[in-house]
Amino acid sequence: MTPHFFEAEINSFGYFTFLLPASAALGIDSDKILEISVDYGAALDGDQLTANAWAREQNGVIKGFIYTVHIAPGENEQERIVEALNNCEAFLSNLSQFAAMLDRQQ
């Protein structure tokens, strides 16, 4: 059966990554460098951007979902997403737990 691509809804998302030393950023005893990746796009309501943050060890294979933040669309979206993540206790807590899980698997 041939797929009917004309019925598919295509969404466009933005994407960026940054590196974060776990010990300095999270205050934990870890030598891990974490690669944070963020995909973001318009929320269903159209009034906000939804940004999903993921993490993995730099050059690692295991990647985990960490947290979702919402920001208003506008200028400097990537910087504002990073700022929202940096100010979010739940994101930092989940990221710390993820780094600890990676350390336990060594």
PDB file of N, CA and C in Angstrom:
ATOM      1  N   MET A   1       0.848  -1.177   0.000  1.00  0.00           N
ATOM      2  CA  MET A   1       0.000   0.000   0.000  1.00  0.00           C
ATOM      3  C   MET A   1       0.893   1.239   0.000  1.00  0.00           C
ATOM      4  N   THR A   2       0.590   2.169  -0.835  1.00  0.00           N
ATOM      5  CA  THR A   2       1.344   3.417  -0.934  1.00  0.00           C
ATOM      6  C   THR A   2       0.802   4.418   0.082  1.00  0.00           C
ATOM      7  N   PRO A   3       1.707   5.052   0.862  1.00  0.00           N
ATOM      8  CA  PRO A   3       1.224   6.055   1.831  1.00  0.00           C
ATOM      9  C   PRO A   3       0.659   7.273   1.116  1.00  0.00           C
ATOM     10  N   HIS A   4      -0.309   7.886   1.748  1.00  0.00           N
ATOM     11  CA  HIS A   4      -0.942   9.088   1.199  1.00  0.00           C
ATOM     12  C   HIS A   4      -0.353  10.317   1.868  1.00  0.00           C
ATOM     13  N   PHE A   5       0.764  10.794   1.322  1.00  0.00           N
ATOM     14  CA  PHE A   5       1.462  11.917   1.930  1.00  0.00           C
ATOM     15  C   PHE A   5       0.663  13.213   1.843  1.00  0.00           C
ATOM     16  N   PHE A   6      -0.252  13.310   0.902  1.00  0.00           N
ATOM     17  CA  PHE A   6      -1.040  14.533   0.813  1.00  0.00           C
ATOM     18  C   PHE A   6      -1.934  14.716   2.036  1.00  0.00           C
ATOM     19  N   GLU A   7      -2.124  13.646   2.823  1.00  0.00           N
ATOM     20  CA  GLU A   7      -2.923  13.730   4.030  1.00  0.00           C
ATOM     21  C   GLU A   7      -2.079  14.074   5.259  1.00  0.00           C
ATOM     22  N   ALA A   8      -0.764  14.065   5.099  1.00  0.00           N
ATOM     23  CA  ALA A   8       0.119  14.313   6.237  1.00  0.00           C
ATOM     24  C   ALA A   8       0.136  15.800   6.591  1.00  0.00           C
ATOM     25  N   GLU A   9       0.172  16.061   7.880  1.00  0.00           N
ATOM     26  CA  GLU A   9       0.319  17.432   8.347  1.00  0.00           C
ATOM     27  C   GLU A   9       1.795  17.661   8.654  1.00  0.00           C
ATOM     28  N   ILE A  10       2.392  18.632   7.999  1.00  0.00           N
ATOM     29  CA  ILE A  10       3.818  18.898   8.173  1.00  0.00           C
ATOM     30  C   ILE A  10       3.992  20.051   9.141  1.00  0.00           C
ATOM     31  N   ASN A  11       4.826  19.829  10.154  1.00  0.00           N
ATOM     32  CA  ASN A  11       5.126  20.855  11.146  1.00  0.00           C
ATOM     33  C   ASN A  11       6.586  21.250  11.005  1.00  0.00           C
ATOM     34  N   SER A  12       6.870  22.487  11.273  1.00  0.00           N
ATOM     35  CA  SER A  12       8.238  22.969  11.205  1.00  0.00           C
ATOM     36  C   SER A  12       8.694  23.363  12.608  1.00  0.00           C
ATOM     37  N   PHE A  13       9.850  22.834  13.005  1.00  0.00           N
ATOM     38  CA  PHE A  13      10.374  23.106  14.333  1.00  0.00           C
ATOM     39  C   PHE A  13      11.786  23.659  14.234  1.00  0.00           C
ATOM     40  N   GLY A  14      12.168  24.424  15.245  1.00  0.00           N
ATOM     41  CA  GLY A  14      13.543  24.877  15.380  1.00  0.00           C
ATOM     42  C   GLY A  14      14.303  23.894  16.259  1.00  0.00           C
ATOM     43  N   TYR A  15      15.624  23.948  16.189  1.00  0.00           N
ATOM     44  CA  TYR A  15      16.458  23.006  16.932  1.00  0.00           C
ATOM     45  C   TYR A  15      17.796  23.653  17.227  1.00  0.00           C
ATOM     46  N   PHE A  16      18.305  23.447  18.451  1.00  0.00           N
ATOM     47  CA  PHE A  16      19.657  23.878  18.783  1.00  0.00           C
ATOM     48  C   PHE A  16      20.192  23.011  19.906  1.00  0.00           C
ATOM     49  N   THR A  17      21.516  23.030  20.072  1.00  0.00           N
ATOM     50  CA  THR A  17      22.162  22.260  21.140  1.00  0.00           C
ATOM     51  C   THR A  17      23.173  23.148  21.849  1.00  0.00           C
ATOM     52  N   PHE A  18      23.520  22.759  23.088  1.00  0.00           N
ATOM     53  CA  PHE A  18      24.618  23.395  23.804  1.00  0.00           C
ATOM     54  C   PHE A  18      25.197  22.388  24.782  1.00  0.00           C
ATOM     55  N   LEU A  19      26.458  22.598  25.155  1.00  0.00           N
ATOM     56  CA  LEU A  19      27.152  21.705  26.080  1.00  0.00           C
ATOM     57  C   LEU A  19      27.148  22.297  27.477  1.00  0.00           C
ATOM     58  N   LEU A  20      27.060  21.421  28.467  1.00  0.00           N
ATOM     59  CA  LEU A  20      26.951  21.846  29.854  1.00  0.00           C
ATOM     60  C   LEU A  20      27.748  20.892  30.735  1.00  0.00           C
ATOM     61  N   PRO A  21      28.815  21.385  31.411  1.00  0.00           N
ATOM     62  CA  PRO A  21      29.529  20.519  32.361  1.00  0.00           C
ATOM     63  C   PRO A  21      28.640  20.249  33.578  1.00  0.00           C
ATOM     64  N   ALA A  22      28.367  18.985  33.851  1.00  0.00           N
ATOM     65  CA  ALA A  22      27.422  18.632  34.916  1.00  0.00           C
ATOM     66  C   ALA A  22      27.861  19.153  36.278  1.00  0.00           C
ATOM     67  N   SER A  23      29.156  19.053  36.585  1.00  0.00           N
ATOM     68  CA  SER A  23      29.608  19.455  37.918  1.00  0.00           C
ATOM     69  C   SER A  23      29.423  20.958  38.145  1.00  0.00           C
ATOM     70  N   ALA A  24      29.817  21.768  37.192  1.00  0.00           N
ATOM     71  CA  ALA A  24      29.723  23.220  37.359  1.00  0.00           C
ATOM     72  C   ALA A  24      28.279  23.707  37.275  1.00  0.00           C
ATOM     73  N   ALA A  25      27.514  23.165  36.347  1.00  0.00           N
ATOM     74  CA  ALA A  25      26.159  23.655  36.120  1.00  0.00           C
ATOM     75  C   ALA A  25      25.175  23.162  37.173  1.00  0.00           C
ATOM     76  N   LEU A  26      25.382  21.934  37.645  1.00  0.00           N
ATOM     77  CA  LEU A  26      24.405  21.330  38.541  1.00  0.00           C
ATOM     78  C   LEU A  26      24.904  21.176  39.963  1.00  0.00           C
ATOM     79  N   GLY A  27      26.195  21.452  40.197  1.00  0.00           N
ATOM     80  CA  GLY A  27      26.757  21.335  41.532  1.00  0.00           C
ATOM     81  C   GLY A  27      26.813  19.902  42.034  1.00  0.00           C
ATOM     82  N   ILE A  28      27.010  18.968  41.107  1.00  0.00           N
ATOM     83  CA  ILE A  28      27.098  17.558  41.497  1.00  0.00           C
ATOM     84  C   ILE A  28      28.501  17.039  41.193  1.00  0.00           C
ATOM     85  N   ASP A  29      28.853  15.946  41.825  1.00  0.00           N
ATOM     86  CA  ASP A  29      30.169  15.344  41.613  1.00  0.00           C
ATOM     87  C   ASP A  29      30.103  14.433  40.391  1.00  0.00           C
ATOM     88  N   SER A  30      30.393  15.000  39.235  1.00  0.00           N
ATOM     89  CA  SER A  30      30.322  14.249  37.986  1.00  0.00           C
ATOM     90  C   SER A  30      31.312  14.856  37.001  1.00  0.00           C
ATOM     91  N   ASP A  31      31.964  13.989  36.238  1.00  0.00           N
ATOM     92  CA  ASP A  31      32.872  14.479  35.205  1.00  0.00           C
ATOM     93  C   ASP A  31      32.190  14.546  33.841  1.00  0.00           C
ATOM     94  N   LYS A  32      30.880  14.351  33.809  1.00  0.00           N
ATOM     95  CA  LYS A  32      30.127  14.316  32.558  1.00  0.00           C
ATOM     96  C   LYS A  32      29.983  15.703  31.945  1.00  0.00           C
ATOM     97  N   ILE A  33      30.101  15.730  30.616  1.00  0.00           N
ATOM     98  CA  ILE A  33      29.718  16.909  29.833  1.00  0.00           C
ATOM     99  C   ILE A  33      28.397  16.524  29.172  1.00  0.00           C
ATOM    100  N   LEU A  34      27.360  17.273  29.446  1.00  0.00           N
ATOM    101  CA  LEU A  34      26.043  16.968  28.905  1.00  0.00           C
ATOM    102  C   LEU A  34      25.771  17.805  27.666  1.00  0.00           C
ATOM    103  N   GLU A  35      25.226  17.174  26.657  1.00  0.00           N
ATOM    104  CA  GLU A  35      24.751  17.879  25.467  1.00  0.00           C
ATOM    105  C   GLU A  35      23.249  18.045  25.626  1.00  0.00           C
ATOM    106  N   ILE A  36      22.815  19.277  25.714  1.00  0.00           N
ATOM    107  CA  ILE A  36      21.396  19.589  25.818  1.00  0.00           C
ATOM    108  C   ILE A  36      20.909  19.934  24.416  1.00  0.00           C
ATOM    109  N   SER A  37      19.863  19.281  23.979  1.00  0.00           N
ATOM    110  CA  SER A  37      19.264  19.608  22.686  1.00  0.00           C
ATOM    111  C   SER A  37      17.833  20.064  22.927  1.00  0.00           C
ATOM    112  N   VAL A  38      17.430  21.043  22.155  1.00  0.00           N
ATOM    113  CA  VAL A  38      16.106  21.636  22.323  1.00  0.00           C
ATOM    114  C   VAL A  38      15.424  21.709  20.968  1.00  0.00           C
ATOM    115  N   ASP A  39      14.228  21.122  20.888  1.00  0.00           N
ATOM    116  CA  ASP A  39      13.392  21.332  19.708  1.00  0.00           C
ATOM    117  C   ASP A  39      12.240  22.237  20.129  1.00  0.00           C
ATOM    118  N   TYR A  40      11.899  23.169  19.270  1.00  0.00           N
ATOM    119  CA  TYR A  40      10.860  24.129  19.657  1.00  0.00           C
ATOM    120  C   TYR A  40      10.044  24.564  18.450  1.00  0.00           C
ATOM    121  N   GLY A  41       8.814  24.943  18.724  1.00  0.00           N
ATOM    122  CA  GLY A  41       7.916  25.419  17.678  1.00  0.00           C
ATOM    123  C   GLY A  41       6.658  25.986  18.300  1.00  0.00           C
ATOM    124  N   ALA A  42       5.762  26.413  17.429  1.00  0.00           N
ATOM    125  CA  ALA A  42       4.516  27.024  17.896  1.00  0.00           C
ATOM    126  C   ALA A  42       3.678  26.002  18.658  1.00  0.00           C
ATOM    127  N   ALA A  43       3.163  26.423  19.791  1.00  0.00           N
ATOM    128  CA  ALA A  43       2.255  25.576  20.572  1.00  0.00           C
ATOM    129  C   ALA A  43       0.928  25.470  19.831  1.00  0.00           C
ATOM    130  N   LEU A  44       0.128  24.505  20.204  1.00  0.00           N
ATOM    131  CA  LEU A  44      -1.152  24.300  19.530  1.00  0.00           C
ATOM    132  C   LEU A  44      -2.051  25.519  19.603  1.00  0.00           C
ATOM    133  N   ASP A  45      -1.959  26.278  20.702  1.00  0.00           N
ATOM    134  CA  ASP A  45      -2.807  27.470  20.836  1.00  0.00           C
ATOM    135  C   ASP A  45      -2.293  28.637  19.991  1.00  0.00           C
ATOM    136  N   GLY A  46      -1.059  28.526  19.484  1.00  0.00           N
ATOM    137  CA  GLY A  46      -0.502  29.571  18.631  1.00  0.00           C
ATOM    138  C   GLY A  46      -0.018  30.801  19.368  1.00  0.00           C
ATOM    139  N   ASP A  47      -0.273  30.877  20.670  1.00  0.00           N
ATOM    140  CA  ASP A  47       0.112  32.059  21.438  1.00  0.00           C
ATOM    141  C   ASP A  47       1.485  31.924  22.078  1.00  0.00           C
ATOM    142  N   GLN A  48       2.040  30.714  22.103  1.00  0.00           N
ATOM    143  CA  GLN A  48       3.317  30.470  22.760  1.00  0.00           C
ATOM    144  C   GLN A  48       4.172  29.550  21.904  1.00  0.00           C
ATOM    145  N   LEU A  49       5.450  29.493  22.284  1.00  0.00           N
ATOM    146  CA  LEU A  49       6.347  28.483  21.733  1.00  0.00           C
ATOM    147  C   LEU A  49       6.509  27.396  22.790  1.00  0.00           C
ATOM    148  N   THR A  50       6.517  26.163  22.344  1.00  0.00           N
ATOM    149  CA  THR A  50       6.800  25.028  23.209  1.00  0.00           C
ATOM    150  C   THR A  50       8.209  24.574  22.913  1.00  0.00           C
ATOM    151  N   ALA A  51       9.022  24.398  23.954  1.00  0.00           N
ATOM    152  CA  ALA A  51      10.408  23.957  23.799  1.00  0.00           C
ATOM    153  C   ALA A  51      10.630  22.706  24.647  1.00  0.00           C
ATOM    154  N   ASN A  52      11.029  21.629  23.991  1.00  0.00           N
ATOM    155  CA  ASN A  52      11.315  20.363  24.662  1.00  0.00           C
ATOM    156  C   ASN A  52      12.819  20.195  24.788  1.00  0.00           C
ATOM    157  N   ALA A  53      13.289  20.017  26.014  1.00  0.00           N
ATOM    158  CA  ALA A  53      14.721  19.854  26.277  1.00  0.00           C
ATOM    159  C   ALA A  53      15.040  18.377  26.480  1.00  0.00           C
ATOM    160  N   TRP A  54      16.104  17.943  25.843  1.00  0.00           N
ATOM    161  CA  TRP A  54      16.597  16.572  25.916  1.00  0.00           C
ATOM    162  C   TRP A  54      18.057  16.623  26.345  1.00  0.00           C
ATOM    163  N   ALA A  55      18.573  15.532  26.892  1.00  0.00           N
ATOM    164  CA  ALA A  55      19.978  15.510  27.300  1.00  0.00           C
ATOM    165  C   ALA A  55      20.586  14.152  26.991  1.00  0.00           C
ATOM    166  N   ARG A  56      21.884  14.183  26.759  1.00  0.00           N
ATOM    167  CA  ARG A  56      22.693  12.977  26.649  1.00  0.00           C
ATOM    168  C   ARG A  56      24.113  13.348  27.014  1.00  0.00           C
ATOM    169  N   GLU A  57      24.912  12.346  27.356  1.00  0.00           N
ATOM    170  CA  GLU A  57      26.323  12.605  27.571  1.00  0.00           C
ATOM    171  C   GLU A  57      26.925  13.000  26.224  1.00  0.00           C
ATOM    172  N   GLN A  58      27.860  13.944  26.228  1.00  0.00           N
ATOM    173  CA  GLN A  58      28.483  14.365  24.979  1.00  0.00           C
ATOM    174  C   GLN A  58      28.990  13.127  24.236  1.00  0.00           C
ATOM    175  N   ASN A  59      28.610  12.996  22.992  1.00  0.00           N
ATOM    176  CA  ASN A  59      28.946  11.857  22.124  1.00  0.00           C
ATOM    177  C   ASN A  59      28.338  10.554  22.618  1.00  0.00           C
ATOM    178  N   GLY A  60      27.360  10.620  23.500  1.00  0.00           N
ATOM    179  CA  GLY A  60      26.730   9.415  24.036  1.00  0.00           C
ATOM    180  C   GLY A  60      25.600   8.912  23.165  1.00  0.00           C
ATOM    181  N   VAL A  61      25.081   7.768  23.552  1.00  0.00           N
ATOM    182  CA  VAL A  61      24.006   7.122  22.813  1.00  0.00           C
ATOM    183  C   VAL A  61      22.659   7.313  23.499  1.00  0.00           C
ATOM    184  N   ILE A  62      22.638   7.240  24.817  1.00  0.00           N
ATOM    185  CA  ILE A  62      21.378   7.342  25.567  1.00  0.00           C
ATOM    186  C   ILE A  62      20.964   8.805  25.653  1.00  0.00           C
ATOM    187  N   LYS A  63      19.760   9.086  25.168  1.00  0.00           N
ATOM    188  CA  LYS A  63      19.228  10.449  25.200  1.00  0.00           C
ATOM    189  C   LYS A  63      17.899  10.400  25.928  1.00  0.00           C
ATOM    190  N   GLY A  64      17.699  11.327  26.838  1.00  0.00           N
ATOM    191  CA  GLY A  64      16.465  11.328  27.610  1.00  0.00           C
ATOM    192  C   GLY A  64      15.762  12.667  27.575  1.00  0.00           C
ATOM    193  N   PHE A  65      14.436  12.598  27.607  1.00  0.00           N
ATOM    194  CA  PHE A  65      13.626  13.811  27.712  1.00  0.00           C
ATOM    195  C   PHE A  65      13.781  14.375  29.116  1.00  0.00           C
ATOM    196  N   ILE A  66      13.986  15.692  29.217  1.00  0.00           N
ATOM    197  CA  ILE A  66      14.199  16.323  30.524  1.00  0.00           C
ATOM    198  C   ILE A  66      13.011  17.196  30.937  1.00  0.00           C
ATOM    199  N   TYR A  67      12.593  18.130  30.081  1.00  0.00           N
ATOM    200  CA  TYR A  67      11.531  19.047  30.504  1.00  0.00           C
ATOM    201  C   TYR A  67      11.008  19.855  29.313  1.00  0.00           C
ATOM    202  N   THR A  68       9.801  20.390  29.456  1.00  0.00           N
ATOM    203  CA  THR A  68       9.193  21.286  28.467  1.00  0.00           C
ATOM    204  C   THR A  68       8.967  22.651  29.105  1.00  0.00           C
ATOM    205  N   VAL A  69       9.344  23.705  28.388  1.00  0.00           N
ATOM    206  CA  VAL A  69       9.033  25.072  28.816  1.00  0.00           C
ATOM    207  C   VAL A  69       8.244  25.767  27.707  1.00  0.00           C
ATOM    208  N   HIS A  70       7.544  26.818  28.082  1.00  0.00           N
ATOM    209  CA  HIS A  70       6.766  27.617  27.135  1.00  0.00           C
ATOM    210  C   HIS A  70       7.214  29.068  27.261  1.00  0.00           C
ATOM    211  N   ILE A  71       7.391  29.707  26.119  1.00  0.00           N
ATOM    212  CA  ILE A  71       7.743  31.131  26.104  1.00  0.00           C
ATOM    213  C   ILE A  71       6.886  31.831  25.050  1.00  0.00           C
ATOM    214  N   ALA A  72       6.813  33.148  25.157  1.00  0.00           N
ATOM    215  CA  ALA A  72       6.122  33.933  24.140  1.00  0.00           C
ATOM    216  C   ALA A  72       7.004  34.011  22.890  1.00  0.00           C
ATOM    217  N   PRO A  73       6.427  33.955  21.696  1.00  0.00           N
ATOM    218  CA  PRO A  73       7.240  34.111  20.488  1.00  0.00           C
ATOM    219  C   PRO A  73       7.801  35.527  20.411  1.00  0.00           C
ATOM    220  N   GLY A  74       8.887  35.681  19.684  1.00  0.00           N
ATOM    221  CA  GLY A  74       9.489  37.002  19.534  1.00  0.00           C
ATOM    222  C   GLY A  74      10.971  36.916  19.247  1.00  0.00           C
ATOM    223  N   GLU A  75      11.665  37.986  19.566  1.00  0.00           N
ATOM    224  CA  GLU A  75      13.105  38.082  19.324  1.00  0.00           C
ATOM    225  C   GLU A  75      13.883  37.147  20.245  1.00  0.00           C
ATOM    226  N   ASN A  76      15.066  36.738  19.800  1.00  0.00           N
ATOM    227  CA  ASN A  76      16.018  35.966  20.615  1.00  0.00           C
ATOM    228  C   ASN A  76      15.390  34.741  21.279  1.00  0.00           C
ATOM    229  N   GLU A  77      14.643  33.982  20.515  1.00  0.00           N
ATOM    230  CA  GLU A  77      13.912  32.846  21.086  1.00  0.00           C
ATOM    231  C   GLU A  77      14.844  31.818  21.728  1.00  0.00           C
ATOM    232  N   GLN A  78      15.942  31.504  21.070  1.00  0.00           N
ATOM    233  CA  GLN A  78      16.846  30.502  21.628  1.00  0.00           C
ATOM    234  C   GLN A  78      17.439  30.953  22.952  1.00  0.00           C
ATOM    235  N   GLU A  79      17.860  32.190  23.046  1.00  0.00           N
ATOM    236  CA  GLU A  79      18.412  32.703  24.303  1.00  0.00           C
ATOM    237  C   GLU A  79      17.363  32.701  25.405  1.00  0.00           C
ATOM    238  N   ARG A  80      16.137  33.049  25.052  1.00  0.00           N
ATOM    239  CA  ARG A  80      15.069  33.087  26.056  1.00  0.00           C
ATOM    240  C   ARG A  80      14.677  31.676  26.503  1.00  0.00           C
ATOM    241  N   ILE A  81      14.775  30.708  25.596  1.00  0.00           N
ATOM    242  CA  ILE A  81      14.518  29.319  25.986  1.00  0.00           C
ATOM    243  C   ILE A  81      15.574  28.859  26.976  1.00  0.00           C
ATOM    244  N   VAL A  82      16.855  29.131  26.681  1.00  0.00           N
ATOM    245  CA  VAL A  82      17.932  28.753  27.606  1.00  0.00           C
ATOM    246  C   VAL A  82      17.731  29.434  28.954  1.00  0.00           C
ATOM    247  N   GLU A  83      17.358  30.689  28.950  1.00  0.00           N
ATOM    248  CA  GLU A  83      17.109  31.410  30.203  1.00  0.00           C
ATOM    249  C   GLU A  83      15.954  30.781  30.979  1.00  0.00           C
ATOM    250  N   ALA A  84      14.884  30.412  30.280  1.00  0.00           N
ATOM    251  CA  ALA A  84      13.735  29.782  30.946  1.00  0.00           C
ATOM    252  C   ALA A  84      14.140  28.442  31.559  1.00  0.00           C
ATOM    253  N   LEU A  85      14.949  27.671  30.837  1.00  0.00           N
ATOM    254  CA  LEU A  85      15.426  26.393  31.378  1.00  0.00           C
ATOM    255  C   LEU A  85      16.316  26.621  32.595  1.00  0.00           C
ATOM    256  N   ASN A  86      17.209  27.594  32.501  1.00  0.00           N
ATOM    257  CA  ASN A  86      18.142  27.884  33.589  1.00  0.00           C
ATOM    258  C   ASN A  86      17.416  28.322  34.859  1.00  0.00           C
ATOM    259  N   ASN A  87      16.262  28.948  34.710  1.00  0.00           N
ATOM    260  CA  ASN A  87      15.498  29.435  35.862  1.00  0.00           C
ATOM    261  C   ASN A  87      14.441  28.440  36.338  1.00  0.00           C
ATOM    262  N   CYS A  88      14.432  27.244  35.752  1.00  0.00           N
ATOM    263  CA  CYS A  88      13.385  26.262  36.069  1.00  0.00           C
ATOM    264  C   CYS A  88      13.943  25.171  36.978  1.00  0.00           C
ATOM    265  N   GLU A  89      13.477  25.147  38.227  1.00  0.00           N
ATOM    266  CA  GLU A  89      13.937  24.153  39.199  1.00  0.00           C
ATOM    267  C   GLU A  89      13.653  22.729  38.740  1.00  0.00           C
ATOM    268  N   ALA A  90      12.505  22.499  38.121  1.00  0.00           N
ATOM    269  CA  ALA A  90      12.151  21.146  37.667  1.00  0.00           C
ATOM    270  C   ALA A  90      13.115  20.671  36.584  1.00  0.00           C
ATOM    271  N   PHE A  91      13.480  21.556  35.659  1.00  0.00           N
ATOM    272  CA  PHE A  91      14.458  21.190  34.625  1.00  0.00           C
ATOM    273  C   PHE A  91      15.793  20.816  35.258  1.00  0.00           C
ATOM    274  N   LEU A  92      16.278  21.656  36.164  1.00  0.00           N
ATOM    275  CA  LEU A  92      17.577  21.404  36.799  1.00  0.00           C
ATOM    276  C   LEU A  92      17.549  20.129  37.635  1.00  0.00           C
ATOM    277  N   SER A  93      16.446  19.874  38.321  1.00  0.00           N
ATOM    278  CA  SER A  93      16.310  18.658  39.106  1.00  0.00           C
ATOM    279  C   SER A  93      16.303  17.420  38.209  1.00  0.00           C
ATOM    280  N   ASN A  94      15.519  17.456  37.149  1.00  0.00           N
ATOM    281  CA  ASN A  94      15.459  16.327  36.214  1.00  0.00           C
ATOM    282  C   ASN A  94      16.808  16.093  35.541  1.00  0.00           C
ATOM    283  N   LEU A  95      17.506  17.168  35.217  1.00  0.00           N
ATOM    284  CA  LEU A  95      18.816  17.046  34.584  1.00  0.00           C
ATOM    285  C   LEU A  95      19.827  16.436  35.559  1.00  0.00           C
ATOM    286  N   SER A  96      19.761  16.838  36.809  1.00  0.00           N
ATOM    287  CA  SER A  96      20.638  16.247  37.838  1.00  0.00           C
ATOM    288  C   SER A  96      20.379  14.753  37.976  1.00  0.00           C
ATOM    289  N   GLN A  97      19.126  14.368  37.988  1.00  0.00           N
ATOM    290  CA  GLN A  97      18.769  12.951  38.080  1.00  0.00           C
ATOM    291  C   GLN A  97      19.256  12.172  36.855  1.00  0.00           C
ATOM    292  N   PHE A  98      19.165  12.780  35.693  1.00  0.00           N
ATOM    293  CA  PHE A  98      19.641  12.136  34.470  1.00  0.00           C
ATOM    294  C   PHE A  98      21.154  11.931  34.526  1.00  0.00           C
ATOM    295  N   ALA A  99      21.887  12.958  34.953  1.00  0.00           N
ATOM    296  CA  ALA A  99      23.353  12.846  35.073  1.00  0.00           C
ATOM    297  C   ALA A  99      23.726  11.777  36.088  1.00  0.00           C
ATOM    298  N   ALA A 100      22.994  11.701  37.202  1.00  0.00           N
ATOM    299  CA  ALA A 100      23.268  10.678  38.217  1.00  0.00           C
ATOM    300  C   ALA A 100      23.019   9.280  37.654  1.00  0.00           C
ATOM    301  N   MET A 101      21.985   9.126  36.843  1.00  0.00           N
ATOM    302  CA  MET A 101      21.700   7.849  36.214  1.00  0.00           C
ATOM    303  C   MET A 101      22.854   7.434  35.286  1.00  0.00           C
ATOM    304  N   LEU A 102      23.369   8.396  34.516  1.00  0.00           N
ATOM    305  CA  LEU A 102      24.497   8.105  33.639  1.00  0.00           C
ATOM    306  C   LEU A 102      25.723   7.663  34.443  1.00  0.00           C
ATOM    307  N   ASP A 103      25.963   8.341  35.564  1.00  0.00           N
ATOM    308  CA  ASP A 103      27.109   7.977  36.417  1.00  0.00           C
ATOM    309  C   ASP A 103      26.944   6.573  36.976  1.00  0.00           C
ATOM    310  N   ARG A 104      25.731   6.199  37.361  1.00  0.00           N
ATOM    311  CA  ARG A 104      25.501   4.855  37.915  1.00  0.00           C
ATOM    312  C   ARG A 104      25.719   3.762  36.862  1.00  0.00           C
ATOM    313  N   GLN A 105      25.523   4.095  35.597  1.00  0.00           N
ATOM    314  CA  GLN A 105      25.639   3.093  34.533  1.00  0.00           C
ATOM    315  C   GLN A 105      27.090   2.856  34.095  1.00  0.00           C
ATOM    316  N   GLN A 106      28.018   3.595  34.628  1.00  0.00           N
ATOM    317  CA  GLN A 106      29.428   3.416  34.251  1.00  0.00           C
ATOM    318  C   GLN A 106      29.983   2.168  34.845  1.00  0.00           C
TER     319      GLN A 106
END
